[in-house]
């Protein structure tokens, strides 16, 4: 048998740096574009399950003028399009265009990153700095404790940088971006 199998273009690095326009042609999956570098981060089952449970918990509490979503990248620049695990955004852009997969940072009130071993530095430092730079008022870093239960580090933007507003281990209770109370034990994956 002879012949060659065409290699999808995304298996080859494009000439120079990656740009946001290339992302639309990638196969589905979690992709961060940061300063022209593409990061594909696998999500283990604990990470995926926790994000789904947290998305459901926040959606149940979310007021009608806001929207909780995931799998949306932030249009920060032509070579920078990070994808938070979850975001709380104004609902108007989704009413105007329900098919949107890219969100303007000015519409985002909260970015949530569930930290995994493959993305620790990127979530805790790089993305944190990017989100502060574009003025996202709130950020959460959700981490896995030694007992497999999540804990949440709540950060609030102040004078261009995030300040820690609290670390929550049992019950997450915050007034902003809307009144939120989540029992962290209830959203702990069972594995």
C-alpha atoms as a PDB file:
ATOM      1  CA  UNK A   1       0.000   0.000   0.000  1.00  0.00           C
ATOM      2  CA  UNK A   2       1.468   3.326  -0.978  1.00  0.00           C
ATOM      3  CA  UNK A   3       0.484   6.903  -0.534  1.00  0.00           C
ATOM      4  CA  UNK A   4       0.809   9.452   2.173  1.00  0.00           C
ATOM      5  CA  UNK A   5      -1.507  10.632   4.839  1.00  0.00           C
ATOM      6  CA  UNK A   6      -1.886  14.383   5.076  1.00  0.00           C
ATOM      7  CA  UNK A   7      -0.783  15.751   8.417  1.00  0.00           C
ATOM      8  CA  UNK A   8      -3.242  18.302   9.859  1.00  0.00           C
ATOM      9  CA  UNK A   9      -1.711  21.760   9.811  1.00  0.00           C
ATOM     10  CA  UNK A  10      -1.986  22.141  13.598  1.00  0.00           C
ATOM     11  CA  UNK A  11       0.586  19.355  14.000  1.00  0.00           C
ATOM     12  CA  UNK A  12       3.073  21.681  12.371  1.00  0.00           C
ATOM     13  CA  UNK A  13       4.034  24.953  13.985  1.00  0.00           C
ATOM     14  CA  UNK A  14       2.929  27.876  11.805  1.00  0.00           C
ATOM     15  CA  UNK A  15       5.680  30.140  10.570  1.00  0.00           C
ATOM     16  CA  UNK A  16       6.643  32.506  13.364  1.00  0.00           C
ATOM     17  CA  UNK A  17       4.304  32.889  16.313  1.00  0.00           C
ATOM     18  CA  UNK A  18       0.735  31.719  16.720  1.00  0.00           C
ATOM     19  CA  UNK A  19      -2.042  34.267  16.331  1.00  0.00           C
ATOM     20  CA  UNK A  20      -5.621  34.165  17.610  1.00  0.00           C
ATOM     21  CA  UNK A  21      -6.957  33.654  14.074  1.00  0.00           C
ATOM     22  CA  UNK A  22      -5.291  30.207  13.949  1.00  0.00           C
ATOM     23  CA  UNK A  23      -7.250  28.985  16.983  1.00  0.00           C
ATOM     24  CA  UNK A  24     -10.578  28.684  15.164  1.00  0.00           C
ATOM     25  CA  UNK A  25      -9.139  25.887  13.005  1.00  0.00           C
ATOM     26  CA  UNK A  26      -7.826  23.772  15.882  1.00  0.00           C
ATOM     27  CA  UNK A  27      -9.717  20.677  16.943  1.00  0.00           C
ATOM     28  CA  UNK A  28     -11.923  21.111  20.042  1.00  0.00           C
ATOM     29  CA  UNK A  29     -10.175  21.182  23.384  1.00  0.00           C
ATOM     30  CA  UNK A  30      -8.747  23.427  26.059  1.00  0.00           C
ATOM     31  CA  UNK A  31      -6.236  25.799  24.445  1.00  0.00           C
ATOM     32  CA  UNK A  32      -4.494  28.872  25.822  1.00  0.00           C
ATOM     33  CA  UNK A  33      -2.677  31.233  23.470  1.00  0.00           C
ATOM     34  CA  UNK A  34      -0.270  33.376  25.489  1.00  0.00           C
ATOM     35  CA  UNK A  35       2.244  35.683  23.813  1.00  0.00           C
ATOM     36  CA  UNK A  36       2.157  33.652  20.598  1.00  0.00           C
ATOM     37  CA  UNK A  37       2.669  30.278  22.324  1.00  0.00           C
ATOM     38  CA  UNK A  38      -0.074  27.631  22.319  1.00  0.00           C
ATOM     39  CA  UNK A  39      -0.643  25.578  25.471  1.00  0.00           C
ATOM     40  CA  UNK A  40      -2.902  22.539  25.323  1.00  0.00           C
ATOM     41  CA  UNK A  41      -3.663  21.404  28.857  1.00  0.00           C
ATOM     42  CA  UNK A  42      -5.238  18.022  29.495  1.00  0.00           C
ATOM     43  CA  UNK A  43      -7.815  17.972  32.270  1.00  0.00           C
ATOM     44  CA  UNK A  44      -7.928  15.042  34.653  1.00  0.00           C
ATOM     45  CA  UNK A  45     -11.311  13.793  35.850  1.00  0.00           C
ATOM     46  CA  UNK A  46     -11.092  15.597  39.221  1.00  0.00           C
ATOM     47  CA  UNK A  47     -10.491  18.893  37.390  1.00  0.00           C
ATOM     48  CA  UNK A  48     -13.295  18.361  34.839  1.00  0.00           C
ATOM     49  CA  UNK A  49     -15.825  17.173  37.417  1.00  0.00           C
ATOM     50  CA  UNK A  50     -15.048  19.998  39.828  1.00  0.00           C
ATOM     51  CA  UNK A  51     -15.439  22.598  37.062  1.00  0.00           C
ATOM     52  CA  UNK A  52     -18.796  21.112  36.028  1.00  0.00           C
ATOM     53  CA  UNK A  53     -20.085  21.048  39.619  1.00  0.00           C
ATOM     54  CA  UNK A  54     -18.875  24.609  40.279  1.00  0.00           C
ATOM     55  CA  UNK A  55     -20.424  25.810  37.002  1.00  0.00           C
ATOM     56  CA  UNK A  56     -23.770  24.299  38.078  1.00  0.00           C
ATOM     57  CA  UNK A  57     -23.559  25.771  41.586  1.00  0.00           C
ATOM     58  CA  UNK A  58     -22.729  29.274  40.306  1.00  0.00           C
ATOM     59  CA  UNK A  59     -25.356  29.112  37.545  1.00  0.00           C
ATOM     60  CA  UNK A  60     -28.052  28.342  40.128  1.00  0.00           C
ATOM     61  CA  UNK A  61     -27.141  31.531  42.042  1.00  0.00           C
ATOM     62  CA  UNK A  62     -26.420  33.827  39.082  1.00  0.00           C
ATOM     63  CA  UNK A  63     -28.698  36.841  38.563  1.00  0.00           C
ATOM     64  CA  UNK A  64     -30.380  37.257  35.164  1.00  0.00           C
ATOM     65  CA  UNK A  65     -28.101  40.083  33.998  1.00  0.00           C
ATOM     66  CA  UNK A  66     -25.004  37.854  34.334  1.00  0.00           C
ATOM     67  CA  UNK A  67     -23.964  34.543  32.786  1.00  0.00           C
ATOM     68  CA  UNK A  68     -21.696  31.737  34.026  1.00  0.00           C
ATOM     69  CA  UNK A  69     -19.939  29.858  31.236  1.00  0.00           C
ATOM     70  CA  UNK A  70     -16.863  27.883  30.228  1.00  0.00           C
ATOM     71  CA  UNK A  71     -14.895  27.019  27.081  1.00  0.00           C
ATOM     72  CA  UNK A  72     -14.660  30.680  26.083  1.00  0.00           C
ATOM     73  CA  UNK A  73     -11.400  32.438  25.363  1.00  0.00           C
ATOM     74  CA  UNK A  74     -10.663  36.054  26.292  1.00  0.00           C
ATOM     75  CA  UNK A  75      -9.769  38.385  23.419  1.00  0.00           C
ATOM     76  CA  UNK A  76      -6.774  40.060  25.027  1.00  0.00           C
ATOM     77  CA  UNK A  77      -4.686  40.557  21.883  1.00  0.00           C
ATOM     78  CA  UNK A  78      -3.754  39.070  18.503  1.00  0.00           C
ATOM     79  CA  UNK A  79      -1.263  36.679  20.154  1.00  0.00           C
ATOM     80  CA  UNK A  80      -2.971  36.279  23.532  1.00  0.00           C
ATOM     81  CA  UNK A  81      -6.234  34.410  24.068  1.00  0.00           C
ATOM     82  CA  UNK A  82      -6.311  32.564  27.387  1.00  0.00           C
ATOM     83  CA  UNK A  83      -9.246  30.316  28.243  1.00  0.00           C
ATOM     84  CA  UNK A  84     -10.253  30.420  31.919  1.00  0.00           C
ATOM     85  CA  UNK A  85     -11.909  27.315  33.339  1.00  0.00           C
ATOM     86  CA  UNK A  86     -15.036  29.361  34.138  1.00  0.00           C
ATOM     87  CA  UNK A  87     -16.089  32.969  33.748  1.00  0.00           C
ATOM     88  CA  UNK A  88     -18.896  35.165  34.985  1.00  0.00           C
ATOM     89  CA  UNK A  89     -19.739  37.684  32.321  1.00  0.00           C
ATOM     90  CA  UNK A  90     -22.426  40.172  31.434  1.00  0.00           C
ATOM     91  CA  UNK A  91     -25.264  38.398  29.634  1.00  0.00           C
ATOM     92  CA  UNK A  92     -25.786  41.024  26.874  1.00  0.00           C
ATOM     93  CA  UNK A  93     -22.994  39.793  24.542  1.00  0.00           C
ATOM     94  CA  UNK A  94     -24.504  36.278  24.597  1.00  0.00           C
ATOM     95  CA  UNK A  95     -28.001  37.589  23.903  1.00  0.00           C
ATOM     96  CA  UNK A  96     -26.607  39.490  20.912  1.00  0.00           C
ATOM     97  CA  UNK A  97     -24.547  36.488  19.711  1.00  0.00           C
ATOM     98  CA  UNK A  98     -25.327  33.141  21.371  1.00  0.00           C
ATOM     99  CA  UNK A  99     -22.728  31.382  19.166  1.00  0.00           C
ATOM    100  CA  UNK A 100     -19.811  33.421  20.463  1.00  0.00           C
ATOM    101  CA  UNK A 101     -16.728  31.541  21.668  1.00  0.00           C
ATOM    102  CA  UNK A 102     -14.620  34.620  22.404  1.00  0.00           C
ATOM    103  CA  UNK A 103     -15.384  37.135  25.137  1.00  0.00           C
ATOM    104  CA  UNK A 104     -14.109  40.658  25.598  1.00  0.00           C
ATOM    105  CA  UNK A 105     -12.320  41.042  28.957  1.00  0.00           C
ATOM    106  CA  UNK A 106     -14.359  44.188  29.680  1.00  0.00           C
ATOM    107  CA  UNK A 107     -17.475  41.970  29.906  1.00  0.00           C
ATOM    108  CA  UNK A 108     -15.901  39.558  32.415  1.00  0.00           C
ATOM    109  CA  UNK A 109     -16.479  40.075  36.147  1.00  0.00           C
ATOM    110  CA  UNK A 110     -14.857  36.857  37.400  1.00  0.00           C
ATOM    111  CA  UNK A 111     -12.276  34.487  35.932  1.00  0.00           C
ATOM    112  CA  UNK A 112     -11.862  31.084  37.608  1.00  0.00           C
ATOM    113  CA  UNK A 113      -8.784  28.914  37.152  1.00  0.00           C
ATOM    114  CA  UNK A 114      -8.751  25.394  38.542  1.00  0.00           C
ATOM    115  CA  UNK A 115      -5.067  24.777  39.099  1.00  0.00           C
ATOM    116  CA  UNK A 116      -3.670  21.483  37.865  1.00  0.00           C
ATOM    117  CA  UNK A 117      -0.094  20.183  37.926  1.00  0.00           C
ATOM    118  CA  UNK A 118       0.317  20.953  34.213  1.00  0.00           C
ATOM    119  CA  UNK A 119      -0.774  24.565  34.571  1.00  0.00           C
ATOM    120  CA  UNK A 120       0.349  25.706  38.038  1.00  0.00           C
ATOM    121  CA  UNK A 121       2.727  28.474  36.949  1.00  0.00           C
ATOM    122  CA  UNK A 122       0.504  29.617  34.103  1.00  0.00           C
ATOM    123  CA  UNK A 123      -2.615  29.826  36.315  1.00  0.00           C
ATOM    124  CA  UNK A 124      -0.998  31.306  39.426  1.00  0.00           C
ATOM    125  CA  UNK A 125       1.299  33.819  37.732  1.00  0.00           C
ATOM    126  CA  UNK A 126       0.935  34.317  33.967  1.00  0.00           C
ATOM    127  CA  UNK A 127      -2.840  34.273  33.688  1.00  0.00           C
ATOM    128  CA  UNK A 128      -3.247  36.106  36.977  1.00  0.00           C
ATOM    129  CA  UNK A 129      -1.085  38.938  35.602  1.00  0.00           C
ATOM    130  CA  UNK A 130      -2.963  38.955  32.262  1.00  0.00           C
ATOM    131  CA  UNK A 131      -6.373  39.136  33.930  1.00  0.00           C
ATOM    132  CA  UNK A 132      -5.224  41.982  36.181  1.00  0.00           C
ATOM    133  CA  UNK A 133      -3.729  43.816  33.198  1.00  0.00           C
ATOM    134  CA  UNK A 134      -7.078  43.795  31.347  1.00  0.00           C
ATOM    135  CA  UNK A 135      -9.045  44.785  34.466  1.00  0.00           C
ATOM    136  CA  UNK A 136     -11.039  41.663  35.364  1.00  0.00           C
ATOM    137  CA  UNK A 137     -12.259  42.632  38.862  1.00  0.00           C
ATOM    138  CA  UNK A 138     -12.288  39.166  40.453  1.00  0.00           C
ATOM    139  CA  UNK A 139     -10.268  35.987  40.071  1.00  0.00           C
ATOM    140  CA  UNK A 140     -10.460  32.665  41.861  1.00  0.00           C
ATOM    141  CA  UNK A 141      -7.751  30.045  42.021  1.00  0.00           C
ATOM    142  CA  UNK A 142      -9.364  26.706  42.839  1.00  0.00           C
ATOM    143  CA  UNK A 143      -6.900  24.119  44.101  1.00  0.00           C
ATOM    144  CA  UNK A 144      -6.984  20.521  45.206  1.00  0.00           C
ATOM    145  CA  UNK A 145      -6.183  20.011  48.878  1.00  0.00           C
ATOM    146  CA  UNK A 146      -4.367  17.035  50.362  1.00  0.00           C
ATOM    147  CA  UNK A 147      -7.756  15.516  51.209  1.00  0.00           C
ATOM    148  CA  UNK A 148      -8.880  15.924  47.544  1.00  0.00           C
ATOM    149  CA  UNK A 149     -11.338  18.634  48.606  1.00  0.00           C
ATOM    150  CA  UNK A 150     -11.130  21.950  46.773  1.00  0.00           C
ATOM    151  CA  UNK A 151     -10.118  25.177  48.389  1.00  0.00           C
ATOM    152  CA  UNK A 152     -10.626  28.560  46.763  1.00  0.00           C
ATOM    153  CA  UNK A 153      -8.255  31.499  46.862  1.00  0.00           C
ATOM    154  CA  UNK A 154     -10.369  34.609  46.167  1.00  0.00           C
ATOM    155  CA  UNK A 155      -8.530  37.547  44.592  1.00  0.00           C
ATOM    156  CA  UNK A 156      -9.841  41.078  44.080  1.00  0.00           C
ATOM    157  CA  UNK A 157      -8.330  43.661  41.731  1.00  0.00           C
ATOM    158  CA  UNK A 158      -6.991  46.720  43.533  1.00  0.00           C
ATOM    159  CA  UNK A 159      -4.788  49.375  41.925  1.00  0.00           C
ATOM    160  CA  UNK A 160      -3.947  47.147  38.958  1.00  0.00           C
ATOM    161  CA  UNK A 161      -2.992  44.034  40.935  1.00  0.00           C
ATOM    162  CA  UNK A 162      -4.844  41.206  42.610  1.00  0.00           C
ATOM    163  CA  UNK A 163      -5.009  41.150  46.406  1.00  0.00           C
ATOM    164  CA  UNK A 164      -6.037  38.057  48.308  1.00  0.00           C
ATOM    165  CA  UNK A 165      -9.486  38.562  49.832  1.00  0.00           C
ATOM    166  CA  UNK A 166      -9.609  35.147  51.492  1.00  0.00           C
ATOM    167  CA  UNK A 167      -8.999  31.435  51.252  1.00  0.00           C
ATOM    168  CA  UNK A 168     -12.084  29.267  51.615  1.00  0.00           C
ATOM    169  CA  UNK A 169     -11.902  25.594  52.575  1.00  0.00           C
ATOM    170  CA  UNK A 170     -15.399  24.566  53.718  1.00  0.00           C
ATOM    171  CA  UNK A 171     -17.859  27.131  52.484  1.00  0.00           C
ATOM    172  CA  UNK A 172     -17.178  29.783  49.870  1.00  0.00           C
ATOM    173  CA  UNK A 173     -19.087  32.955  50.707  1.00  0.00           C
ATOM    174  CA  UNK A 174     -18.445  36.179  48.779  1.00  0.00           C
ATOM    175  CA  UNK A 175     -20.595  39.238  47.991  1.00  0.00           C
ATOM    176  CA  UNK A 176     -19.134  39.887  44.529  1.00  0.00           C
ATOM    177  CA  UNK A 177     -19.517  39.598  41.561  1.00  0.00           C
ATOM    178  CA  UNK A 178     -22.906  38.586  43.007  1.00  0.00           C
ATOM    179  CA  UNK A 179     -23.853  37.029  46.359  1.00  0.00           C
ATOM    180  CA  UNK A 180     -22.368  33.524  46.314  1.00  0.00           C
ATOM    181  CA  UNK A 181     -22.444  30.764  48.916  1.00  0.00           C
ATOM    182  CA  UNK A 182     -21.169  27.362  47.825  1.00  0.00           C
ATOM    183  CA  UNK A 183     -20.611  24.351  50.072  1.00  0.00           C
ATOM    184  CA  UNK A 184     -17.229  23.132  48.825  1.00  0.00           C
ATOM    185  CA  UNK A 185     -17.856  19.626  50.184  1.00  0.00           C
ATOM    186  CA  UNK A 186     -20.928  19.429  47.920  1.00  0.00           C
ATOM    187  CA  UNK A 187     -18.855  20.098  44.805  1.00  0.00           C
ATOM    188  CA  UNK A 188     -15.969  17.800  45.722  1.00  0.00           C
ATOM    189  CA  UNK A 189     -15.484  15.082  43.106  1.00  0.00           C
ATOM    190  CA  UNK A 190     -15.792  11.624  44.675  1.00  0.00           C
ATOM    191  CA  UNK A 191     -12.457  10.438  43.271  1.00  0.00           C
END
